[in-house]
């Protein structure tokens, strides 16, 4: 195996290991995320000023209503 190919394979393995570590952290953070914190994070984006709690609506219906209002 050529030296360049070995370097490339080691680089890919290192990238894979880093990716798996990031995914493990993301999975842990998601598992620890409370509904209240998720709502705070979403509201901090400022994109949900028209969000309403409506138990009779699904999230998709609410999304469509929000995006429909933004059309020119």
PDB file of N, CA and C in Angstrom:
ATOM      1  N   UNK A   1       0.858  -1.179   0.000  1.00  0.00           N
ATOM      2  CA  UNK A   1       0.000   0.000   0.000  1.00  0.00           C
ATOM      3  C   UNK A   1       0.899   1.236   0.000  1.00  0.00           C
ATOM      4  N   UNK A   2       0.576   2.193  -0.811  1.00  0.00           N
ATOM      5  CA  UNK A   2       1.410   3.384  -0.908  1.00  0.00           C
ATOM      6  C   UNK A   2       1.254   4.246   0.340  1.00  0.00           C
ATOM      7  N   UNK A   3       2.271   5.064   0.591  1.00  0.00           N
ATOM      8  CA  UNK A   3       2.252   5.947   1.758  1.00  0.00           C
ATOM      9  C   UNK A   3       1.103   6.935   1.721  1.00  0.00           C
ATOM     10  N   UNK A   4       0.791   7.448   0.546  1.00  0.00           N
ATOM     11  CA  UNK A   4      -0.299   8.416   0.408  1.00  0.00           C
ATOM     12  C   UNK A   4      -1.654   7.773   0.726  1.00  0.00           C
ATOM     13  N   UNK A   5      -1.824   6.539   0.279  1.00  0.00           N
ATOM     14  CA  UNK A   5      -3.074   5.825   0.552  1.00  0.00           C
ATOM     15  C   UNK A   5      -3.219   5.545   2.049  1.00  0.00           C
ATOM     16  N   UNK A   6      -2.130   5.192   2.714  1.00  0.00           N
ATOM     17  CA  UNK A   6      -2.162   4.953   4.157  1.00  0.00           C
ATOM     18  C   UNK A   6      -2.525   6.232   4.912  1.00  0.00           C
ATOM     19  N   UNK A   7      -1.963   7.336   4.484  1.00  0.00           N
ATOM     20  CA  UNK A   7      -2.274   8.626   5.117  1.00  0.00           C
ATOM     21  C   UNK A   7      -3.754   8.943   4.938  1.00  0.00           C
ATOM     22  N   UNK A   8      -4.266   8.707   3.730  1.00  0.00           N
ATOM     23  CA  UNK A   8      -5.681   8.970   3.458  1.00  0.00           C
ATOM     24  C   UNK A   8      -6.572   8.082   4.322  1.00  0.00           C
ATOM     25  N   UNK A   9      -6.233   6.810   4.447  1.00  0.00           N
ATOM     26  CA  UNK A   9      -7.037   5.901   5.265  1.00  0.00           C
ATOM     27  C   UNK A   9      -6.999   6.292   6.736  1.00  0.00           C
ATOM     28  N   UNK A  10      -5.841   6.698   7.233  1.00  0.00           N
ATOM     29  CA  UNK A  10      -5.742   7.143   8.623  1.00  0.00           C
ATOM     30  C   UNK A  10      -6.553   8.415   8.832  1.00  0.00           C
ATOM     31  N   UNK A  11      -6.517   9.307   7.861  1.00  0.00           N
ATOM     32  CA  UNK A  11      -7.289  10.543   7.955  1.00  0.00           C
ATOM     33  C   UNK A  11      -8.784  10.248   7.988  1.00  0.00           C
ATOM     34  N   UNK A  12      -9.229   9.340   7.141  1.00  0.00           N
ATOM     35  CA  UNK A  12     -10.648   8.965   7.119  1.00  0.00           C
ATOM     36  C   UNK A  12     -11.055   8.297   8.431  1.00  0.00           C
ATOM     37  N   UNK A  13     -10.193   7.457   8.974  1.00  0.00           N
ATOM     38  CA  UNK A  13     -10.501   6.802  10.247  1.00  0.00           C
ATOM     39  C   UNK A  13     -10.590   7.837  11.362  1.00  0.00           C
ATOM     40  N   UNK A  14      -9.688   8.799  11.369  1.00  0.00           N
ATOM     41  CA  UNK A  14      -9.721   9.859  12.385  1.00  0.00           C
ATOM     42  C   UNK A  14     -10.987  10.694  12.239  1.00  0.00           C
ATOM     43  N   UNK A  15     -11.362  11.005  11.015  1.00  0.00           N
ATOM     44  CA  UNK A  15     -12.589  11.763  10.766  1.00  0.00           C
ATOM     45  C   UNK A  15     -13.811  10.986  11.259  1.00  0.00           C
ATOM     46  N   UNK A  16     -13.848   9.690  10.968  1.00  0.00           N
ATOM     47  CA  UNK A  16     -14.941   8.847  11.423  1.00  0.00           C
ATOM     48  C   UNK A  16     -15.032   8.839  12.955  1.00  0.00           C
ATOM     49  N   UNK A  17     -13.886   8.737  13.612  1.00  0.00           N
ATOM     50  CA  UNK A  17     -13.869   8.736  15.077  1.00  0.00           C
ATOM     51  C   UNK A  17     -14.381  10.055  15.635  1.00  0.00           C
ATOM     52  N   UNK A  18     -13.969  11.166  15.036  1.00  0.00           N
ATOM     53  CA  UNK A  18     -14.447  12.482  15.495  1.00  0.00           C
ATOM     54  C   UNK A  18     -15.945  12.608  15.258  1.00  0.00           C
ATOM     55  N   UNK A  19     -16.398  12.145  14.108  1.00  0.00           N
ATOM     56  CA  UNK A  19     -17.830  12.220  13.789  1.00  0.00           C
ATOM     57  C   UNK A  19     -18.644  11.415  14.798  1.00  0.00           C
ATOM     58  N   UNK A  20     -18.180  10.219  15.127  1.00  0.00           N
ATOM     59  CA  UNK A  20     -18.883   9.394  16.098  1.00  0.00           C
ATOM     60  C   UNK A  20     -18.903  10.059  17.475  1.00  0.00           C
ATOM     61  N   UNK A  21     -17.824  10.722  17.852  1.00  0.00           N
ATOM     62  CA  UNK A  21     -17.774  11.427  19.139  1.00  0.00           C
ATOM     63  C   UNK A  21     -18.776  12.574  19.159  1.00  0.00           C
ATOM     64  N   UNK A  22     -18.841  13.325  18.071  1.00  0.00           N
ATOM     65  CA  UNK A  22     -19.799  14.432  17.982  1.00  0.00           C
ATOM     66  C   UNK A  22     -21.222  13.896  18.051  1.00  0.00           C
ATOM     67  N   UNK A  23     -21.497  12.829  17.345  1.00  0.00           N
ATOM     68  CA  UNK A  23     -22.838  12.244  17.359  1.00  0.00           C
ATOM     69  C   UNK A  23     -23.206  11.743  18.755  1.00  0.00           C
ATOM     70  N   UNK A  24     -22.248  11.201  19.489  1.00  0.00           N
ATOM     71  CA  UNK A  24     -22.516  10.726  20.849  1.00  0.00           C
ATOM     72  C   UNK A  24     -22.871  11.904  21.755  1.00  0.00           C
ATOM     73  N   UNK A  25     -22.149  13.012  21.610  1.00  0.00           N
ATOM     74  CA  UNK A  25     -22.447  14.206  22.406  1.00  0.00           C
ATOM     75  C   UNK A  25     -23.829  14.738  22.041  1.00  0.00           C
ATOM     76  N   UNK A  26     -24.124  14.813  20.758  1.00  0.00           N
ATOM     77  CA  UNK A  26     -25.435  15.306  20.320  1.00  0.00           C
ATOM     78  C   UNK A  26     -26.561  14.423  20.846  1.00  0.00           C
ATOM     79  N   UNK A  27     -26.373  13.119  20.811  1.00  0.00           N
ATOM     80  CA  UNK A  27     -27.397  12.197  21.306  1.00  0.00           C
ATOM     81  C   UNK A  27     -27.607  12.386  22.805  1.00  0.00           C
ATOM     82  N   UNK A  28     -26.514  12.562  23.555  1.00  0.00           N
ATOM     83  CA  UNK A  28     -26.625  12.770  24.996  1.00  0.00           C
ATOM     84  C   UNK A  28     -27.336  14.085  25.294  1.00  0.00           C
ATOM     85  N   UNK A  29     -26.970  15.155  24.572  1.00  0.00           N
ATOM     86  CA  UNK A  29     -27.614  16.451  24.780  1.00  0.00           C
ATOM     87  C   UNK A  29     -29.101  16.388  24.446  1.00  0.00           C
ATOM     88  N   UNK A  30     -29.448  15.692  23.393  1.00  0.00           N
ATOM     89  CA  UNK A  30     -30.849  15.563  23.007  1.00  0.00           C
ATOM     90  C   UNK A  30     -31.627  14.774  24.053  1.00  0.00           C
ATOM     91  N   UNK A  31     -31.013  13.722  24.576  1.00  0.00           N
ATOM     92  CA  UNK A  31     -31.682  12.912  25.600  1.00  0.00           C
ATOM     93  C   UNK A  31     -31.908  13.719  26.880  1.00  0.00           C
ATOM     94  N   UNK A  32     -31.003  14.661  27.172  1.00  0.00           N
ATOM     95  CA  UNK A  32     -31.108  15.470  28.388  1.00  0.00           C
ATOM     96  C   UNK A  32     -31.987  16.715  28.202  1.00  0.00           C
ATOM     97  N   UNK A  33     -32.372  16.996  26.973  1.00  0.00           N
ATOM     98  CA  UNK A  33     -33.134  18.201  26.666  1.00  0.00           C
ATOM     99  C   UNK A  33     -34.560  18.094  27.204  1.00  0.00           C
ATOM    100  N   UNK A  34     -34.944  19.084  27.980  1.00  0.00           N
ATOM    101  CA  UNK A  34     -36.318  19.106  28.484  1.00  0.00           C
ATOM    102  C   UNK A  34     -37.194  19.855  27.488  1.00  0.00           C
ATOM    103  N   UNK A  35     -38.488  19.623  27.582  1.00  0.00           N
ATOM    104  CA  UNK A  35     -39.422  20.314  26.697  1.00  0.00           C
ATOM    105  C   UNK A  35     -39.350  21.826  26.925  1.00  0.00           C
ATOM    106  N   UNK A  36     -39.218  22.220  28.182  1.00  0.00           N
ATOM    107  CA  UNK A  36     -39.140  23.649  28.501  1.00  0.00           C
ATOM    108  C   UNK A  36     -37.901  24.284  27.874  1.00  0.00           C
ATOM    109  N   UNK A  37     -36.750  23.609  27.976  1.00  0.00           N
ATOM    110  CA  UNK A  37     -35.513  24.150  27.394  1.00  0.00           C
ATOM    111  C   UNK A  37     -35.618  24.183  25.870  1.00  0.00           C
ATOM    112  N   UNK A  38     -36.223  23.173  25.277  1.00  0.00           N
ATOM    113  CA  UNK A  38     -36.396  23.155  23.824  1.00  0.00           C
ATOM    114  C   UNK A  38     -37.244  24.346  23.386  1.00  0.00           C
ATOM    115  N   UNK A  39     -38.323  24.622  24.121  1.00  0.00           N
ATOM    116  CA  UNK A  39     -39.183  25.752  23.793  1.00  0.00           C
ATOM    117  C   UNK A  39     -38.406  27.072  23.925  1.00  0.00           C
ATOM    118  N   UNK A  40     -37.598  27.201  24.974  1.00  0.00           N
ATOM    119  CA  UNK A  40     -36.783  28.408  25.152  1.00  0.00           C
ATOM    120  C   UNK A  40     -35.832  28.599  23.977  1.00  0.00           C
ATOM    121  N   UNK A  41     -35.201  27.506  23.552  1.00  0.00           N
ATOM    122  CA  UNK A  41     -34.254  27.584  22.440  1.00  0.00           C
ATOM    123  C   UNK A  41     -34.957  28.000  21.154  1.00  0.00           C
ATOM    124  N   UNK A  42     -36.120  27.424  20.895  1.00  0.00           N
ATOM    125  CA  UNK A  42     -36.870  27.754  19.684  1.00  0.00           C
ATOM    126  C   UNK A  42     -37.305  29.215  19.716  1.00  0.00           C
ATOM    127  N   UNK A  43     -37.812  29.650  20.853  1.00  0.00           N
ATOM    128  CA  UNK A  43     -38.275  31.030  20.957  1.00  0.00           C
ATOM    129  C   UNK A  43     -37.122  32.027  20.863  1.00  0.00           C
ATOM    130  N   UNK A  44     -35.934  31.624  21.285  1.00  0.00           N
ATOM    131  CA  UNK A  44     -34.780  32.522  21.198  1.00  0.00           C
ATOM    132  C   UNK A  44     -34.369  32.787  19.748  1.00  0.00           C
ATOM    133  N   UNK A  45     -34.815  31.933  18.836  1.00  0.00           N
ATOM    134  CA  UNK A  45     -34.499  32.133  17.423  1.00  0.00           C
ATOM    135  C   UNK A  45     -35.271  33.303  16.832  1.00  0.00           C
ATOM    136  N   UNK A  46     -36.356  33.678  17.468  1.00  0.00           N
ATOM    137  CA  UNK A  46     -37.140  34.812  17.001  1.00  0.00           C
ATOM    138  C   UNK A  46     -38.022  34.501  15.811  1.00  0.00           C
ATOM    139  N   UNK A  47     -38.027  33.280  15.366  1.00  0.00           N
ATOM    140  CA  UNK A  47     -38.798  32.919  14.173  1.00  0.00           C
ATOM    141  C   UNK A  47     -40.193  32.424  14.509  1.00  0.00           C
ATOM    142  N   UNK A  48     -40.514  32.380  15.773  1.00  0.00           N
ATOM    143  CA  UNK A  48     -41.799  31.802  16.144  1.00  0.00           C
ATOM    144  C   UNK A  48     -42.667  32.792  16.909  1.00  0.00           C
ATOM    145  N   UNK A  49     -42.614  34.028  16.530  1.00  0.00           N
ATOM    146  CA  UNK A  49     -43.407  35.044  17.219  1.00  0.00           C
ATOM    147  C   UNK A  49     -44.899  34.757  17.118  1.00  0.00           C
ATOM    148  N   UNK A  50     -45.309  34.018  16.106  1.00  0.00           N
ATOM    149  CA  UNK A  50     -46.726  33.730  15.916  1.00  0.00           C
ATOM    150  C   UNK A  50     -47.101  32.349  16.454  1.00  0.00           C
ATOM    151  N   UNK A  51     -46.191  31.692  17.142  1.00  0.00           N
ATOM    152  CA  UNK A  51     -46.455  30.357  17.666  1.00  0.00           C
ATOM    153  C   UNK A  51     -47.533  30.411  18.747  1.00  0.00           C
ATOM    154  N   UNK A  52     -48.446  29.486  18.645  1.00  0.00           N
ATOM    155  CA  UNK A  52     -49.514  29.376  19.643  1.00  0.00           C
ATOM    156  C   UNK A  52     -49.612  27.931  20.090  1.00  0.00           C
ATOM    157  N   UNK A  53     -49.889  27.738  21.354  1.00  0.00           N
ATOM    158  CA  UNK A  53     -50.139  26.389  21.844  1.00  0.00           C
ATOM    159  C   UNK A  53     -51.575  26.028  21.487  1.00  0.00           C
ATOM    160  N   UNK A  54     -51.750  25.064  20.618  1.00  0.00           N
ATOM    161  CA  UNK A  54     -53.087  24.636  20.218  1.00  0.00           C
ATOM    162  C   UNK A  54     -53.109  23.118  20.212  1.00  0.00           C
ATOM    163  N   UNK A  55     -53.673  22.503  21.226  1.00  0.00           N
ATOM    164  CA  UNK A  55     -53.670  21.042  21.287  1.00  0.00           C
ATOM    165  C   UNK A  55     -54.453  20.381  20.165  1.00  0.00           C
ATOM    166  N   UNK A  56     -55.328  21.128  19.501  1.00  0.00           N
ATOM    167  CA  UNK A  56     -56.113  20.532  18.426  1.00  0.00           C
ATOM    168  C   UNK A  56     -55.421  20.622  17.072  1.00  0.00           C
ATOM    169  N   UNK A  57     -54.228  21.227  17.013  1.00  0.00           N
ATOM    170  CA  UNK A  57     -53.467  21.338  15.767  1.00  0.00           C
ATOM    171  C   UNK A  57     -52.221  20.490  15.849  1.00  0.00           C
ATOM    172  N   UNK A  58     -51.819  19.930  14.739  1.00  0.00           N
ATOM    173  CA  UNK A  58     -50.536  19.230  14.704  1.00  0.00           C
ATOM    174  C   UNK A  58     -49.447  20.254  14.413  1.00  0.00           C
ATOM    175  N   UNK A  59     -48.217  19.907  14.664  1.00  0.00           N
ATOM    176  CA  UNK A  59     -47.101  20.807  14.393  1.00  0.00           C
ATOM    177  C   UNK A  59     -47.025  21.186  12.919  1.00  0.00           C
ATOM    178  N   UNK A  60     -47.325  20.243  12.041  1.00  0.00           N
ATOM    179  CA  UNK A  60     -47.265  20.507  10.608  1.00  0.00           C
ATOM    180  C   UNK A  60     -48.289  21.560  10.208  1.00  0.00           C
ATOM    181  N   UNK A  61     -49.482  21.459  10.734  1.00  0.00           N
ATOM    182  CA  UNK A  61     -50.517  22.438  10.407  1.00  0.00           C
ATOM    183  C   UNK A  61     -50.079  23.822  10.878  1.00  0.00           C
ATOM    184  N   UNK A  62     -49.525  23.894  12.087  1.00  0.00           N
ATOM    185  CA  UNK A  62     -49.046  25.168  12.619  1.00  0.00           C
ATOM    186  C   UNK A  62     -47.919  25.727  11.747  1.00  0.00           C
ATOM    187  N   UNK A  63     -46.984  24.871  11.337  1.00  0.00           N
ATOM    188  CA  UNK A  63     -45.895  25.306  10.466  1.00  0.00           C
ATOM    189  C   UNK A  63     -46.433  25.870   9.159  1.00  0.00           C
ATOM    190  N   UNK A  64     -47.363  25.168   8.551  1.00  0.00           N
ATOM    191  CA  UNK A  64     -47.909  25.630   7.280  1.00  0.00           C
ATOM    192  C   UNK A  64     -48.583  26.985   7.449  1.00  0.00           C
ATOM    193  N   UNK A  65     -49.276  27.184   8.556  1.00  0.00           N
ATOM    194  CA  UNK A  65     -49.930  28.466   8.811  1.00  0.00           C
ATOM    195  C   UNK A  65     -48.894  29.573   8.936  1.00  0.00           C
ATOM    196  N   UNK A  66     -47.790  29.293   9.634  1.00  0.00           N
ATOM    197  CA  UNK A  66     -46.733  30.304   9.810  1.00  0.00           C
ATOM    198  C   UNK A  66     -46.103  30.645   8.469  1.00  0.00           C
ATOM    199  N   UNK A  67     -45.714  29.619   7.693  1.00  0.00           N
ATOM    200  CA  UNK A  67     -45.043  29.877   6.421  1.00  0.00           C
ATOM    201  C   UNK A  67     -45.966  30.525   5.401  1.00  0.00           C
ATOM    202  N   UNK A  68     -47.237  30.211   5.435  1.00  0.00           N
ATOM    203  CA  UNK A  68     -48.186  30.814   4.508  1.00  0.00           C
ATOM    204  C   UNK A  68     -48.279  32.322   4.754  1.00  0.00           C
ATOM    205  N   UNK A  69     -48.218  32.742   5.979  1.00  0.00           N
ATOM    206  CA  UNK A  69     -48.286  34.179   6.293  1.00  0.00           C
ATOM    207  C   UNK A  69     -47.061  34.930   5.822  1.00  0.00           C
ATOM    208  N   UNK A  70     -45.937  34.244   5.610  1.00  0.00           N
ATOM    209  CA  UNK A  70     -44.694  34.904   5.207  1.00  0.00           C
ATOM    210  C   UNK A  70     -44.578  35.091   3.703  1.00  0.00           C
ATOM    211  N   UNK A  71     -45.443  34.503   2.952  1.00  0.00           N
ATOM    212  CA  UNK A  71     -45.348  34.647   1.487  1.00  0.00           C
ATOM    213  C   UNK A  71     -45.685  36.083   1.081  1.00  0.00           C
ATOM    214  N   UNK A  72     -44.965  36.595   0.088  1.00  0.00           N
ATOM    215  CA  UNK A  72     -45.239  37.974  -0.373  1.00  0.00           C
ATOM    216  C   UNK A  72     -46.581  38.100  -1.077  1.00  0.00           C
TER     217      UNK A  72
END
